[in-house]
Protein backbone atom coordinates (compact mmCIF):
# COMPACT_ATOMS: atom_id res chain seq x y z
CA MET A 1 -129.93 151.29 -0.14
CA TRP A 2 -129.17 147.86 1.38
CA ALA A 3 -131.11 146.43 4.10
CA CYS A 4 -131.86 143.42 6.11
CA ILE A 5 -135.43 142.95 6.90
CA THR A 6 -135.97 142.85 10.78
CA GLN A 7 -139.61 143.04 11.38
CA PHE A 8 -142.27 142.25 8.45
CA ASP A 9 -145.48 141.21 10.23
CA ALA A 10 -148.82 141.73 11.12
CA ALA A 11 -147.72 144.90 13.34
CA THR A 12 -146.08 146.64 10.28
CA GLY A 13 -148.92 145.37 7.91
CA ALA A 14 -148.29 144.02 4.38
CA ASP A 15 -147.03 147.09 2.85
CA THR A 16 -144.04 148.24 5.56
CA PHE A 17 -141.24 146.63 7.01
CA ARG A 18 -138.84 147.68 9.64
CA ALA A 19 -135.07 147.12 8.69
CA ASP A 20 -131.19 147.62 9.63
CA ALA A 21 -130.02 149.85 6.68
CA ALA A 22 -126.94 150.98 4.86
CA PRO A 23 -125.56 152.58 1.66
CA LYS A 24 -123.50 149.44 1.09
CA ARG A 25 -123.86 145.75 2.10
CA LEU A 26 -122.80 145.16 5.72
CA ARG A 27 -121.02 141.89 7.13
CA TYR A 28 -122.65 142.54 10.42
CA TRP A 29 -126.24 144.11 9.88
CA PHE A 30 -126.59 145.07 13.58
CA GLU A 31 -124.09 148.11 12.10
CA GLY A 32 -126.67 149.33 10.15
CA ASP A 33 -129.27 152.12 10.73
CA ASN A 34 -132.59 150.74 11.85
CA SER A 35 -135.50 152.44 9.50
CA LEU A 36 -138.69 152.15 7.98
CA PHE A 37 -140.11 151.03 4.78
CA VAL A 38 -143.10 151.72 2.91
CA GLY A 39 -144.09 150.25 -0.49
CA SER A 40 -147.21 148.76 -2.15
CA ALA A 41 -148.41 145.07 -0.85
CA THR A 42 -147.85 143.82 -4.23
CA GLN A 43 -144.32 145.26 -4.71
CA LEU A 44 -143.26 143.73 -1.18
CA GLU A 45 -145.55 140.77 -1.18
CA ASP A 46 -142.41 138.03 -1.51
CA PHE A 47 -140.12 139.24 0.87
CA VAL A 48 -139.92 138.07 4.46
CA GLU A 49 -137.86 138.94 7.60
CA ASP A 50 -134.16 138.08 7.26
CA ASP A 51 -134.13 138.91 3.70
CA VAL A 52 -131.74 141.21 2.45
CA ALA A 53 -132.82 143.77 -0.19
CA VAL A 54 -131.28 146.21 -2.20
CA MET A 55 -133.53 149.36 -3.00
CA ASN A 56 -133.99 152.41 -4.70
CA VAL A 57 -135.96 154.64 -2.34
CA THR A 58 -136.88 158.11 -1.67
CA SER A 59 -136.67 159.69 1.89
CA LEU A 60 -140.12 160.41 3.51
CA GLY A 61 -138.56 161.99 6.63
CA SER A 62 -138.55 160.57 10.17
CA TYR A 63 -141.23 158.44 12.00
CA ASP A 64 -142.01 158.23 15.38
CA TYR A 65 -143.34 154.93 17.07
CA GLU A 66 -143.43 153.37 20.46
CA THR A 67 -141.35 150.09 21.33
CA THR A 68 -142.74 146.93 22.56
CA LEU A 69 -140.89 147.89 25.81
CA GLY A 70 -143.01 151.14 26.00
CA GLY A 71 -140.46 153.64 25.11
CA ASN A 72 -140.51 155.97 21.94
CA ILE A 73 -138.00 156.03 19.01
CA THR A 74 -137.40 158.16 15.81
CA VAL A 75 -136.33 156.40 12.67
CA PRO A 76 -135.66 157.44 9.05
CA MET A 77 -138.49 156.38 6.79
CA PHE A 78 -138.32 155.64 3.11
CA SER A 79 -140.62 154.96 0.30
CA VAL A 80 -139.57 151.68 -1.77
CA ASP A 81 -139.15 152.65 -5.53
CA ARG A 82 -137.69 149.25 -6.68
CA ILE A 83 -136.62 146.37 -4.60
CA THR A 84 -134.63 142.97 -5.16
CA ARG A 85 -133.99 140.15 -2.89
CA ARG A 86 -130.23 139.84 -2.49
CA GLY A 87 -130.13 136.75 0.07
CA SER A 88 -130.25 136.34 3.75
CA CYS A 89 -129.34 138.55 6.66
CA ALA A 90 -128.14 135.34 8.57
């Protein structure tokens, strides 16, 4: 799976990030699916917001969370088995 990391901060923690994801690299990442990825803090320590990552993942089902505007959203959630940086989202 390919992803553009859109949030990786104190709100997500050191072992979780939110990203726009797709089965292939996208020209426009906003066309990807908002998804949540969970790994170990050590595995993800070199990644930051705006990195493009290619990953082997395992589906964990869905995850519900409250947005900063007070709404609720459900997104797919994945466990990161292997991850590699492939540039920047910009």
